[in-house]
Amino acid sequence: MQRLFKNREILLTLIIAIMITGFATRAQGFATPASLTNIFNDTSILIILALGQMTVILTKSIDLSVAANLAFTGMAVAMTNAAFPGLPLALLIVMAIGIGAFLGAINGYLVWALQMPSIVVTLGTLTIYRGMAFVLSGGGWVNAHQMTPPFLNIPRLPLLGLPVLSWIAIAIVIGAWFVLTRLPFGRAAYASGGNPTAAVYAGIDIGRTKFLAFVLSGALAGLSGYLWVSRYAVAYVDIAAGFELDTVAACVIGGISIAGGIGSVGGAVLGALFLGVIKNALPVIGISPFAQMAISGIVIVLAVVFNARAEKKAGRIILRDRAAHHQEASA
């Protein structure tokens, strides 16, 4: 039982279940299947972005431009749909992913080729991409009546009891798990963040791995740009403002180490769902928006402290085991 509680995914699952049960006592119907389906659907975009952010964090980097990437890409595809309503939706989705990947590649190139700190690069591109969205739109909005019905309705269509948006998130989760656990890129990402020196000796190109991680994060942000605009039926410069912090929070809560090399897809998903439950529940039980921000901040700080203690304990165990091994060898 004690080992089960040390497993981050199991512990988070239990906490989320307890939270849902507790909130259900205050808000009737909160724990119904329909309500839980809506919570998952509301959290789907955060899950997609968190998985991209996780990939970058594993390489000992961070991408603070994901929300700005989402805003610019969402504005671009919404304006394209409004101006050319005859374009196929599939082409617009490919366009969104391509633009997002290109913006991510800019981040990755600056981090890789110029050896610039990722936090500095993405803070800069965050502002640049938001500015690009303003220049592209002239500060205007693209509203629902300007977009075509297929553009708006496809992610909302029900399929086997879930909206298509939720199924897209599930497909991304499965894809991320496969990439990070079954492909050489995934092993390279863990090695680059966990032990860069050993990764170099193993022949892993750390710079190229970071570049690909940023491209993947950007591509998922681009896809999320379309999904956000279609989900909320509006595009404007400030959409998803501050959402980059939610992606980092989801990763931290899910046990992904900011120091790199540690984390799982399941942890990132559960971290996003944890935030999703909180954000859906607090307004229902009458908690003010300011208190919601404070509660979210406290949760993030506690998660960081928990992660730091766990990593320090792991380090002590490694040192202890090595010391014991040396003692046995000398005896």
C-alpha atoms as a PDB file:
ATOM      1  CA  MET A   1       0.000   0.000   0.000  1.00  0.00           C
ATOM      2  CA  GLN A   2       2.825   2.415   0.861  1.00  0.00           C
ATOM      3  CA  ARG A   3       4.447   1.781  -2.535  1.00  0.00           C
ATOM      4  CA  LEU A   4       1.143   2.537  -4.248  1.00  0.00           C
ATOM      5  CA  PHE A   5       0.952   5.949  -2.579  1.00  0.00           C
ATOM      6  CA  LYS A   6       4.498   6.698  -3.714  1.00  0.00           C
ATOM      7  CA  ASN A   7       3.368   6.303  -7.335  1.00  0.00           C
ATOM      8  CA  ARG A   8       2.568   9.812  -8.574  1.00  0.00           C
ATOM      9  CA  GLU A   9      -0.084   8.736 -11.092  1.00  0.00           C
ATOM     10  CA  ILE A  10      -1.988   6.598  -8.577  1.00  0.00           C
ATOM     11  CA  LEU A  11      -1.799   9.320  -5.933  1.00  0.00           C
ATOM     12  CA  LEU A  12      -3.079  11.966  -8.376  1.00  0.00           C
ATOM     13  CA  THR A  13      -5.897   9.698  -9.503  1.00  0.00           C
ATOM     14  CA  LEU A  14      -6.986   9.209  -5.893  1.00  0.00           C
ATOM     15  CA  ILE A  15      -6.781  12.939  -5.182  1.00  0.00           C
ATOM     16  CA  ILE A  16      -8.852  13.765  -8.272  1.00  0.00           C
ATOM     17  CA  ALA A  17     -11.456  11.146  -7.272  1.00  0.00           C
ATOM     18  CA  ILE A  18     -11.633  12.576  -3.739  1.00  0.00           C
ATOM     19  CA  MET A  19     -11.958  16.119  -5.121  1.00  0.00           C
ATOM     20  CA  ILE A  20     -14.800  15.106  -7.442  1.00  0.00           C
ATOM     21  CA  THR A  21     -16.577  13.338  -4.572  1.00  0.00           C
ATOM     22  CA  GLY A  22     -16.106  16.334  -2.289  1.00  0.00           C
ATOM     23  CA  PHE A  23     -17.292  18.856  -4.864  1.00  0.00           C
ATOM     24  CA  ALA A  24     -20.306  16.645  -5.628  1.00  0.00           C
ATOM     25  CA  THR A  25     -21.498  17.102  -2.027  1.00  0.00           C
ATOM     26  CA  ARG A  26     -21.561  20.858  -2.602  1.00  0.00           C
ATOM     27  CA  ALA A  27     -22.827  20.909  -6.184  1.00  0.00           C
ATOM     28  CA  GLN A  28     -25.488  18.379  -7.077  1.00  0.00           C
ATOM     29  CA  GLY A  29     -24.787  16.632 -10.365  1.00  0.00           C
ATOM     30  CA  PHE A  30     -21.072  17.480 -10.443  1.00  0.00           C
ATOM     31  CA  ALA A  31     -20.065  13.798 -10.473  1.00  0.00           C
ATOM     32  CA  THR A  32     -22.556  12.682 -13.120  1.00  0.00           C
ATOM     33  CA  PRO A  33     -21.158  11.112 -16.320  1.00  0.00           C
ATOM     34  CA  ALA A  34     -22.361  14.086 -18.380  1.00  0.00           C
ATOM     35  CA  SER A  35     -20.598  16.535 -16.060  1.00  0.00           C
ATOM     36  CA  LEU A  36     -17.359  14.524 -16.035  1.00  0.00           C
ATOM     37  CA  THR A  37     -17.487  14.302 -19.838  1.00  0.00           C
ATOM     38  CA  ASN A  38     -17.788  18.094 -20.020  1.00  0.00           C
ATOM     39  CA  ILE A  39     -14.851  18.518 -17.635  1.00  0.00           C
ATOM     40  CA  PHE A  40     -12.672  16.254 -19.780  1.00  0.00           C
ATOM     41  CA  ASN A  41     -13.758  18.075 -22.930  1.00  0.00           C
ATOM     42  CA  ASP A  42     -13.019  21.466 -21.329  1.00  0.00           C
ATOM     43  CA  THR A  43      -9.564  20.189 -20.347  1.00  0.00           C
ATOM     44  CA  SER A  44      -8.742  18.589 -23.711  1.00  0.00           C
ATOM     45  CA  ILE A  45      -6.842  21.569 -25.119  1.00  0.00           C
ATOM     46  CA  LEU A  46      -4.827  21.914 -21.905  1.00  0.00           C
ATOM     47  CA  ILE A  47      -3.954  18.201 -22.113  1.00  0.00           C
ATOM     48  CA  ILE A  48      -2.690  18.611 -25.687  1.00  0.00           C
ATOM     49  CA  LEU A  49      -0.593  21.659 -24.815  1.00  0.00           C
ATOM     50  CA  ALA A  50       0.727  20.054 -21.614  1.00  0.00           C
ATOM     51  CA  LEU A  51       2.016  17.060 -23.579  1.00  0.00           C
ATOM     52  CA  GLY A  52       3.932  19.381 -25.897  1.00  0.00           C
ATOM     53  CA  GLN A  53       5.264  21.316 -22.915  1.00  0.00           C
ATOM     54  CA  MET A  54       6.253  18.059 -21.222  1.00  0.00           C
ATOM     55  CA  THR A  55       8.348  17.036 -24.223  1.00  0.00           C
ATOM     56  CA  VAL A  56      10.268  20.308 -24.044  1.00  0.00           C
ATOM     57  CA  ILE A  57      10.699  20.137 -20.260  1.00  0.00           C
ATOM     58  CA  LEU A  58      12.093  16.604 -20.516  1.00  0.00           C
ATOM     59  CA  THR A  59      15.016  18.052 -22.505  1.00  0.00           C
ATOM     60  CA  LYS A  60      15.726  20.530 -19.685  1.00  0.00           C
ATOM     61  CA  SER A  61      14.084  23.439 -21.503  1.00  0.00           C
ATOM     62  CA  ILE A  62      10.774  25.306 -21.289  1.00  0.00           C
ATOM     63  CA  ASP A  63       8.380  26.792 -23.849  1.00  0.00           C
ATOM     64  CA  LEU A  64       6.583  29.904 -22.612  1.00  0.00           C
ATOM     65  CA  SER A  65       5.321  30.805 -26.087  1.00  0.00           C
ATOM     66  CA  VAL A  66       2.778  27.988 -26.531  1.00  0.00           C
ATOM     67  CA  ALA A  67      -0.247  30.183 -25.764  1.00  0.00           C
ATOM     68  CA  ALA A  68       0.997  32.977 -28.033  1.00  0.00           C
ATOM     69  CA  ASN A  69       1.618  30.378 -30.736  1.00  0.00           C
ATOM     70  CA  LEU A  70      -1.955  29.159 -30.223  1.00  0.00           C
ATOM     71  CA  ALA A  71      -3.306  32.721 -30.471  1.00  0.00           C
ATOM     72  CA  PHE A  72      -1.467  33.564 -33.693  1.00  0.00           C
ATOM     73  CA  THR A  73      -2.270  30.245 -35.351  1.00  0.00           C
ATOM     74  CA  GLY A  74      -5.913  30.388 -34.295  1.00  0.00           C
ATOM     75  CA  MET A  75      -6.226  33.912 -35.658  1.00  0.00           C
ATOM     76  CA  ALA A  76      -4.530  32.927 -38.916  1.00  0.00           C
ATOM     77  CA  VAL A  77      -6.782  29.941 -39.628  1.00  0.00           C
ATOM     78  CA  ALA A  78      -9.937  31.790 -38.520  1.00  0.00           C
ATOM     79  CA  MET A  79      -9.164  34.707 -40.841  1.00  0.00           C
ATOM     80  CA  THR A  80      -8.349  32.289 -43.673  1.00  0.00           C
ATOM     81  CA  ASN A  81     -11.635  30.461 -43.137  1.00  0.00           C
ATOM     82  CA  ALA A  82     -13.545  33.762 -43.102  1.00  0.00           C
ATOM     83  CA  ALA A  83     -11.818  35.032 -46.266  1.00  0.00           C
ATOM     84  CA  PHE A  84     -11.896  31.728 -48.193  1.00  0.00           C
ATOM     85  CA  PRO A  85     -14.891  29.739 -46.937  1.00  0.00           C
ATOM     86  CA  GLY A  86     -14.498  27.189 -49.726  1.00  0.00           C
ATOM     87  CA  LEU A  87     -11.174  25.841 -48.456  1.00  0.00           C
ATOM     88  CA  PRO A  88     -11.391  22.261 -47.100  1.00  0.00           C
ATOM     89  CA  LEU A  89     -11.242  21.951 -43.322  1.00  0.00           C
ATOM     90  CA  ALA A  90      -8.459  19.363 -43.588  1.00  0.00           C
ATOM     91  CA  LEU A  91      -6.285  21.944 -45.362  1.00  0.00           C
ATOM     92  CA  LEU A  92      -6.920  24.500 -42.619  1.00  0.00           C
ATOM     93  CA  ILE A  93      -5.967  21.972 -39.934  1.00  0.00           C
ATOM     94  CA  VAL A  94      -2.746  21.111 -41.786  1.00  0.00           C
ATOM     95  CA  MET A  95      -2.114  24.840 -42.110  1.00  0.00           C
ATOM     96  CA  ALA A  96      -2.578  25.316 -38.346  1.00  0.00           C
ATOM     97  CA  ILE A  97      -0.202  22.472 -37.502  1.00  0.00           C
ATOM     98  CA  GLY A  98       2.347  23.723 -40.034  1.00  0.00           C
ATOM     99  CA  ILE A  99       2.305  27.315 -38.751  1.00  0.00           C
ATOM    100  CA  GLY A 100       2.591  26.119 -35.160  1.00  0.00           C
ATOM    101  CA  ALA A 101       5.481  23.795 -36.029  1.00  0.00           C
ATOM    102  CA  PHE A 102       7.268  26.634 -37.842  1.00  0.00           C
ATOM    103  CA  LEU A 103       6.924  28.961 -34.837  1.00  0.00           C
ATOM    104  CA  GLY A 104       8.173  26.156 -32.601  1.00  0.00           C
ATOM    105  CA  ALA A 105      11.094  25.591 -34.985  1.00  0.00           C
ATOM    106  CA  ILE A 106      12.107  29.244 -34.537  1.00  0.00           C
ATOM    107  CA  ASN A 107      12.316  28.673 -30.780  1.00  0.00           C
ATOM    108  CA  GLY A 108      14.192  25.419 -31.273  1.00  0.00           C
ATOM    109  CA  TYR A 109      16.686  26.921 -33.694  1.00  0.00           C
ATOM    110  CA  LEU A 110      17.527  29.815 -31.358  1.00  0.00           C
ATOM    111  CA  VAL A 111      18.013  27.395 -28.461  1.00  0.00           C
ATOM    112  CA  TRP A 112      19.998  24.900 -30.558  1.00  0.00           C
ATOM    113  CA  ALA A 113      22.128  26.971 -32.914  1.00  0.00           C
ATOM    114  CA  LEU A 114      22.676  30.085 -30.775  1.00  0.00           C
ATOM    115  CA  GLN A 115      22.835  28.263 -27.433  1.00  0.00           C
ATOM    116  CA  MET A 116      20.377  30.731 -25.907  1.00  0.00           C
ATOM    117  CA  PRO A 117      18.488  29.850 -22.694  1.00  0.00           C
ATOM    118  CA  SER A 118      15.039  28.569 -23.600  1.00  0.00           C
ATOM    119  CA  ILE A 119      13.291  30.727 -21.005  1.00  0.00           C
ATOM    120  CA  VAL A 120      14.802  33.877 -22.546  1.00  0.00           C
ATOM    121  CA  VAL A 121      14.026  32.788 -26.108  1.00  0.00           C
ATOM    122  CA  THR A 122      10.413  31.854 -25.443  1.00  0.00           C
ATOM    123  CA  LEU A 123       9.727  34.939 -23.320  1.00  0.00           C
ATOM    124  CA  GLY A 124      10.809  36.969 -26.330  1.00  0.00           C
ATOM    125  CA  THR A 125       8.861  34.964 -28.891  1.00  0.00           C
ATOM    126  CA  LEU A 126       5.814  35.023 -26.611  1.00  0.00           C
ATOM    127  CA  THR A 127       5.654  38.789 -27.101  1.00  0.00           C
ATOM    128  CA  ILE A 128       6.566  38.565 -30.785  1.00  0.00           C
ATOM    129  CA  TYR A 129       3.867  36.015 -31.611  1.00  0.00           C
ATOM    130  CA  ARG A 130       1.219  38.013 -29.733  1.00  0.00           C
ATOM    131  CA  GLY A 131       2.326  41.089 -31.642  1.00  0.00           C
ATOM    132  CA  MET A 132       2.145  39.172 -34.912  1.00  0.00           C
ATOM    133  CA  ALA A 133      -1.438  38.181 -34.097  1.00  0.00           C
ATOM    134  CA  PHE A 134      -2.292  41.847 -33.495  1.00  0.00           C
ATOM    135  CA  VAL A 135      -0.655  42.963 -36.739  1.00  0.00           C
ATOM    136  CA  LEU A 136      -2.353  40.169 -38.703  1.00  0.00           C
ATOM    137  CA  SER A 137      -5.825  41.008 -37.370  1.00  0.00           C
ATOM    138  CA  GLY A 138      -5.401  44.744 -36.909  1.00  0.00           C
ATOM    139  CA  GLY A 139      -6.672  44.235 -33.382  1.00  0.00           C
ATOM    140  CA  GLY A 140     -10.010  42.974 -34.681  1.00  0.00           C
ATOM    141  CA  TRP A 141     -12.035  39.877 -33.877  1.00  0.00           C
ATOM    142  CA  VAL A 142     -13.233  37.010 -36.033  1.00  0.00           C
ATOM    143  CA  ASN A 143     -16.705  36.065 -34.819  1.00  0.00           C
ATOM    144  CA  ALA A 144     -18.824  32.943 -35.223  1.00  0.00           C
ATOM    145  CA  HIS A 145     -20.940  34.357 -38.059  1.00  0.00           C
ATOM    146  CA  GLN A 146     -17.772  34.919 -40.130  1.00  0.00           C
ATOM    147  CA  MET A 147     -16.663  31.282 -39.869  1.00  0.00           C
ATOM    148  CA  THR A 148     -18.152  28.356 -41.759  1.00  0.00           C
ATOM    149  CA  PRO A 149     -20.325  25.748 -39.975  1.00  0.00           C
ATOM    150  CA  PRO A 150     -17.923  22.821 -40.632  1.00  0.00           C
ATOM    151  CA  PHE A 151     -15.013  24.879 -39.222  1.00  0.00           C
ATOM    152  CA  LEU A 152     -16.963  25.447 -36.004  1.00  0.00           C
ATOM    153  CA  ASN A 153     -18.926  22.235 -35.651  1.00  0.00           C
ATOM    154  CA  ILE A 154     -16.509  19.370 -36.346  1.00  0.00           C
ATOM    155  CA  PRO A 155     -14.779  19.422 -32.901  1.00  0.00           C
ATOM    156  CA  ARG A 156     -18.189  19.607 -31.214  1.00  0.00           C
ATOM    157  CA  LEU A 157     -19.768  16.658 -32.992  1.00  0.00           C
ATOM    158  CA  PRO A 158     -20.601  13.778 -30.610  1.00  0.00           C
ATOM    159  CA  LEU A 159     -18.901  10.476 -31.386  1.00  0.00           C
ATOM    160  CA  LEU A 160     -19.472   7.402 -29.186  1.00  0.00           C
ATOM    161  CA  GLY A 161     -20.574   9.579 -26.287  1.00  0.00           C
ATOM    162  CA  LEU A 162     -17.710  12.098 -26.497  1.00  0.00           C
ATOM    163  CA  PRO A 163     -17.189  15.210 -28.641  1.00  0.00           C
ATOM    164  CA  VAL A 164     -14.618  14.910 -31.426  1.00  0.00           C
ATOM    165  CA  LEU A 165     -12.406  17.355 -29.470  1.00  0.00           C
ATOM    166  CA  SER A 166     -12.110  14.825 -26.645  1.00  0.00           C
ATOM    167  CA  TRP A 167     -11.252  12.034 -29.089  1.00  0.00           C
ATOM    168  CA  ILE A 168      -8.539  14.220 -30.619  1.00  0.00           C
ATOM    169  CA  ALA A 169      -7.057  14.706 -27.137  1.00  0.00           C
ATOM    170  CA  ILE A 170      -7.176  10.950 -26.501  1.00  0.00           C
ATOM    171  CA  ALA A 171      -5.442  10.290 -29.842  1.00  0.00           C
ATOM    172  CA  ILE A 172      -2.725  12.843 -28.960  1.00  0.00           C
ATOM    173  CA  VAL A 173      -2.212  11.166 -25.567  1.00  0.00           C
ATOM    174  CA  ILE A 174      -1.744   7.764 -27.217  1.00  0.00           C
ATOM    175  CA  GLY A 175       0.573   9.275 -29.839  1.00  0.00           C
ATOM    176  CA  ALA A 176       2.668  11.075 -27.210  1.00  0.00           C
ATOM    177  CA  TRP A 177       2.984   7.871 -25.175  1.00  0.00           C
ATOM    178  CA  PHE A 178       4.163   5.987 -28.268  1.00  0.00           C
ATOM    179  CA  VAL A 179       6.666   8.676 -29.306  1.00  0.00           C
ATOM    180  CA  LEU A 180       8.180   9.092 -25.837  1.00  0.00           C
ATOM    181  CA  THR A 181       8.338   5.429 -24.878  1.00  0.00           C
ATOM    182  CA  ARG A 182       8.810   3.552 -28.150  1.00  0.00           C
ATOM    183  CA  LEU A 183      10.780   5.809 -30.500  1.00  0.00           C
ATOM    184  CA  PRO A 184      14.461   6.861 -30.375  1.00  0.00           C
ATOM    185  CA  PHE A 185      13.413  10.512 -30.046  1.00  0.00           C
ATOM    186  CA  GLY A 186      11.667   9.763 -26.751  1.00  0.00           C
ATOM    187  CA  ARG A 187      14.707   8.024 -25.310  1.00  0.00           C
ATOM    188  CA  ALA A 188      16.891  10.894 -26.521  1.00  0.00           C
ATOM    189  CA  ALA A 189      14.596  13.449 -24.846  1.00  0.00           C
ATOM    190  CA  TYR A 190      14.783  11.682 -21.478  1.00  0.00           C
ATOM    191  CA  ALA A 191      18.552  11.232 -21.773  1.00  0.00           C
ATOM    192  CA  SER A 192      19.167  14.847 -22.837  1.00  0.00           C
ATOM    193  CA  GLY A 193      17.453  16.189 -19.745  1.00  0.00           C
ATOM    194  CA  GLY A 194      18.356  13.450 -17.294  1.00  0.00           C
ATOM    195  CA  ASN A 195      22.081  13.202 -17.962  1.00  0.00           C
ATOM    196  CA  PRO A 196      23.344  15.422 -20.798  1.00  0.00           C
ATOM    197  CA  THR A 197      26.964  14.299 -20.413  1.00  0.00           C
ATOM    198  CA  ALA A 198      26.096  10.615 -20.710  1.00  0.00           C
ATOM    199  CA  ALA A 199      23.757  11.440 -23.619  1.00  0.00           C
ATOM    200  CA  VAL A 200      26.624  13.037 -25.537  1.00  0.00           C
ATOM    201  CA  TYR A 201      28.843  10.010 -24.927  1.00  0.00           C
ATOM    202  CA  ALA A 202      25.982   7.817 -26.145  1.00  0.00           C
ATOM    203  CA  GLY A 203      25.970   9.705 -29.430  1.00  0.00           C
ATOM    204  CA  ILE A 204      22.773  11.701 -28.833  1.00  0.00           C
ATOM    205  CA  ASP A 205      22.638  15.146 -30.429  1.00  0.00           C
ATOM    206  CA  ILE A 206      21.185  17.163 -27.544  1.00  0.00           C
ATOM    207  CA  GLY A 207      20.701  20.318 -29.618  1.00  0.00           C
ATOM    208  CA  ARG A 208      18.806  18.487 -32.339  1.00  0.00           C
ATOM    209  CA  THR A 209      16.668  16.723 -29.725  1.00  0.00           C
ATOM    210  CA  LYS A 210      15.716  20.051 -28.153  1.00  0.00           C
ATOM    211  CA  PHE A 211      14.940  21.461 -31.614  1.00  0.00           C
ATOM    212  CA  LEU A 212      12.593  18.565 -32.391  1.00  0.00           C
ATOM    213  CA  ALA A 213      10.939  18.927 -28.980  1.00  0.00           C
ATOM    214  CA  PHE A 214      10.161  22.583 -29.694  1.00  0.00           C
ATOM    215  CA  VAL A 215       8.847  21.695 -33.165  1.00  0.00           C
ATOM    216  CA  LEU A 216       6.538  19.078 -31.625  1.00  0.00           C
ATOM    217  CA  SER A 217       5.365  21.515 -28.955  1.00  0.00           C
ATOM    218  CA  GLY A 218       4.717  24.146 -31.624  1.00  0.00           C
ATOM    219  CA  ALA A 219       2.795  21.708 -33.828  1.00  0.00           C
ATOM    220  CA  LEU A 220       0.509  20.769 -30.924  1.00  0.00           C
ATOM    221  CA  ALA A 221       0.063  24.464 -30.097  1.00  0.00           C
ATOM    222  CA  GLY A 222      -0.904  25.086 -33.733  1.00  0.00           C
ATOM    223  CA  LEU A 223      -3.475  22.287 -33.661  1.00  0.00           C
ATOM    224  CA  SER A 224      -4.767  23.706 -30.374  1.00  0.00           C
ATOM    225  CA  GLY A 225      -5.122  27.091 -32.073  1.00  0.00           C
ATOM    226  CA  TYR A 226      -7.723  25.688 -34.450  1.00  0.00           C
ATOM    227  CA  LEU A 227      -9.416  23.674 -31.692  1.00  0.00           C
ATOM    228  CA  TRP A 228      -9.630  26.714 -29.383  1.00  0.00           C
ATOM    229  CA  VAL A 229     -11.095  28.997 -32.047  1.00  0.00           C
ATOM    230  CA  SER A 230     -13.652  26.420 -33.172  1.00  0.00           C
ATOM    231  CA  ARG A 231     -14.525  25.437 -29.583  1.00  0.00           C
ATOM    232  CA  TYR A 232     -15.230  28.994 -28.435  1.00  0.00           C
ATOM    233  CA  ALA A 233     -16.322  30.338 -31.855  1.00  0.00           C
ATOM    234  CA  VAL A 234     -14.196  33.470 -31.671  1.00  0.00           C
ATOM    235  CA  ALA A 235     -10.641  34.549 -32.467  1.00  0.00           C
ATOM    236  CA  TYR A 236      -8.930  37.593 -30.976  1.00  0.00           C
ATOM    237  CA  VAL A 237      -5.427  38.629 -29.984  1.00  0.00           C
ATOM    238  CA  ASP A 238      -5.644  37.760 -26.282  1.00  0.00           C
ATOM    239  CA  ILE A 239      -7.110  34.262 -26.507  1.00  0.00           C
ATOM    240  CA  ALA A 240      -5.460  31.812 -24.125  1.00  0.00           C
ATOM    241  CA  ALA A 241      -3.639  34.642 -22.333  1.00  0.00           C
ATOM    242  CA  GLY A 242      -1.630  33.140 -19.477  1.00  0.00           C
ATOM    243  CA  PHE A 243      -2.378  29.600 -20.629  1.00  0.00           C
ATOM    244  CA  GLU A 244       1.337  28.849 -20.945  1.00  0.00           C
ATOM    245  CA  LEU A 245       1.527  28.915 -17.142  1.00  0.00           C
ATOM    246  CA  ASP A 246      -1.285  26.376 -16.936  1.00  0.00           C
ATOM    247  CA  THR A 247       0.675  24.007 -19.184  1.00  0.00           C
ATOM    248  CA  VAL A 248       3.738  24.292 -16.955  1.00  0.00           C
ATOM    249  CA  ALA A 249       1.549  23.854 -13.863  1.00  0.00           C
ATOM    250  CA  ALA A 250      -0.051  20.713 -15.311  1.00  0.00           C
ATOM    251  CA  CYS A 251       3.398  19.245 -15.946  1.00  0.00           C
ATOM    252  CA  VAL A 252       4.717  20.129 -12.493  1.00  0.00           C
ATOM    253  CA  ILE A 253       1.626  18.766 -10.736  1.00  0.00           C
ATOM    254  CA  GLY A 254       1.926  15.619 -12.837  1.00  0.00           C
ATOM    255  CA  GLY A 255       5.470  14.974 -11.607  1.00  0.00           C
ATOM    256  CA  ILE A 256       7.463  16.187 -14.612  1.00  0.00           C
ATOM    257  CA  SER A 257      10.721  17.564 -13.255  1.00  0.00           C
ATOM    258  CA  ILE A 258      11.657  21.103 -14.301  1.00  0.00           C
ATOM    259  CA  ALA A 259      15.273  19.884 -14.118  1.00  0.00           C
ATOM    260  CA  GLY A 260      14.519  17.570 -17.052  1.00  0.00           C
ATOM    261  CA  GLY A 261      14.602  13.848 -17.710  1.00  0.00           C
ATOM    262  CA  ILE A 262      11.788  12.802 -15.338  1.00  0.00           C
ATOM    263  CA  GLY A 263       8.085  12.464 -16.067  1.00  0.00           C
ATOM    264  CA  SER A 264       5.390  10.468 -17.800  1.00  0.00           C
ATOM    265  CA  VAL A 265       2.559  11.073 -20.239  1.00  0.00           C
ATOM    266  CA  GLY A 266       0.085   9.799 -17.646  1.00  0.00           C
ATOM    267  CA  GLY A 267       1.392  12.304 -15.111  1.00  0.00           C
ATOM    268  CA  ALA A 268       0.976  15.240 -17.517  1.00  0.00           C
ATOM    269  CA  VAL A 269      -2.583  14.165 -18.366  1.00  0.00           C
ATOM    270  CA  LEU A 270      -3.523  13.763 -14.699  1.00  0.00           C
ATOM    271  CA  GLY A 271      -1.932  17.124 -13.870  1.00  0.00           C
ATOM    272  CA  ALA A 272      -4.067  18.779 -16.547  1.00  0.00           C
ATOM    273  CA  LEU A 273      -7.196  16.969 -15.310  1.00  0.00           C
ATOM    274  CA  PHE A 274      -6.402  18.072 -11.748  1.00  0.00           C
ATOM    275  CA  LEU A 275      -6.426  21.709 -12.891  1.00  0.00           C
ATOM    276  CA  GLY A 276      -9.498  21.075 -15.018  1.00  0.00           C
ATOM    277  CA  VAL A 277     -11.477  19.733 -12.067  1.00  0.00           C
ATOM    278  CA  ILE A 278     -10.460  22.698  -9.907  1.00  0.00           C
ATOM    279  CA  LYS A 279     -11.318  25.289 -12.556  1.00  0.00           C
ATOM    280  CA  ASN A 280     -14.694  23.700 -13.237  1.00  0.00           C
ATOM    281  CA  ALA A 281     -15.590  23.121  -9.581  1.00  0.00           C
ATOM    282  CA  LEU A 282     -14.598  26.345  -7.830  1.00  0.00           C
ATOM    283  CA  PRO A 283     -17.033  28.629  -9.702  1.00  0.00           C
ATOM    284  CA  VAL A 284     -19.832  26.087  -9.145  1.00  0.00           C
ATOM    285  CA  ILE A 285     -19.376  26.152  -5.365  1.00  0.00           C
ATOM    286  CA  GLY A 286     -19.157  29.944  -5.293  1.00  0.00           C
ATOM    287  CA  ILE A 287     -15.401  30.584  -5.006  1.00  0.00           C
ATOM    288  CA  SER A 288     -14.375  33.992  -6.388  1.00  0.00           C
ATOM    289  CA  PRO A 289     -11.973  34.221  -9.384  1.00  0.00           C
ATOM    290  CA  PHE A 290      -9.300  35.797  -7.180  1.00  0.00           C
ATOM    291  CA  ALA A 291      -9.499  32.942  -4.695  1.00  0.00           C
ATOM    292  CA  GLN A 292      -9.308  30.497  -7.614  1.00  0.00           C
ATOM    293  CA  MET A 293      -6.008  32.046  -8.708  1.00  0.00           C
ATOM    294  CA  ALA A 294      -4.652  31.848  -5.162  1.00  0.00           C
ATOM    295  CA  ILE A 295      -5.696  28.205  -4.776  1.00  0.00           C
ATOM    296  CA  SER A 296      -4.135  27.290  -8.128  1.00  0.00           C
ATOM    297  CA  GLY A 297      -0.912  29.043  -7.127  1.00  0.00           C
ATOM    298  CA  ILE A 298      -0.764  27.234  -3.789  1.00  0.00           C
ATOM    299  CA  VAL A 299      -1.267  23.889  -5.533  1.00  0.00           C
ATOM    300  CA  ILE A 300       1.576  24.642  -7.964  1.00  0.00           C
ATOM    301  CA  VAL A 301       3.977  25.633  -5.164  1.00  0.00           C
ATOM    302  CA  LEU A 302       3.130  22.496  -3.192  1.00  0.00           C
ATOM    303  CA  ALA A 303       3.683  20.364  -6.294  1.00  0.00           C
ATOM    304  CA  VAL A 304       7.104  21.943  -6.884  1.00  0.00           C
ATOM    305  CA  VAL A 305       8.080  21.317  -3.259  1.00  0.00           C
ATOM    306  CA  PHE A 306       6.847  17.711  -3.497  1.00  0.00           C
ATOM    307  CA  ASN A 307       8.849  17.160  -6.695  1.00  0.00           C
ATOM    308  CA  ALA A 308      11.992  18.705  -5.218  1.00  0.00           C
ATOM    309  CA  ARG A 309      11.807  16.525  -2.108  1.00  0.00           C
ATOM    310  CA  ALA A 310      11.180  13.391  -4.150  1.00  0.00           C
ATOM    311  CA  GLU A 311      14.146  14.092  -6.444  1.00  0.00           C
ATOM    312  CA  LYS A 312      16.417  14.885  -3.489  1.00  0.00           C
ATOM    313  CA  LYS A 313      15.359  11.666  -1.777  1.00  0.00           C
ATOM    314  CA  ALA A 314      16.035   9.702  -4.956  1.00  0.00           C
ATOM    315  CA  GLY A 315      19.473  11.255  -5.148  1.00  0.00           C
ATOM    316  CA  ARG A 316      20.215  10.278  -1.549  1.00  0.00           C
ATOM    317  CA  ILE A 317      19.104   6.706  -2.241  1.00  0.00           C
ATOM    318  CA  ILE A 318      21.455   6.513  -5.221  1.00  0.00           C
ATOM    319  CA  LEU A 319      24.337   7.816  -3.111  1.00  0.00           C
ATOM    320  CA  ARG A 320      23.460   5.424  -0.298  1.00  0.00           C
ATOM    321  CA  ASP A 321      23.352   2.437  -2.648  1.00  0.00           C
ATOM    322  CA  ARG A 322      26.677   3.422  -4.202  1.00  0.00           C
ATOM    323  CA  ALA A 323      28.252   3.776  -0.760  1.00  0.00           C
ATOM    324  CA  ALA A 324      26.969   0.358   0.240  1.00  0.00           C
ATOM    325  CA  HIS A 325      28.324  -1.132  -2.977  1.00  0.00           C
ATOM    326  CA  HIS A 326      31.776   0.355  -2.354  1.00  0.00           C
ATOM    327  CA  GLN A 327      31.784  -0.938   1.234  1.00  0.00           C
ATOM    328  CA  GLU A 328      30.928  -4.438   0.040  1.00  0.00           C
ATOM    329  CA  ALA A 329      33.651  -4.269  -2.602  1.00  0.00           C
ATOM    330  CA  SER A 330      36.290  -3.125  -0.130  1.00  0.00           C
ATOM    331  CA  ALA A 331      35.300  -5.869   2.337  1.00  0.00           C
END
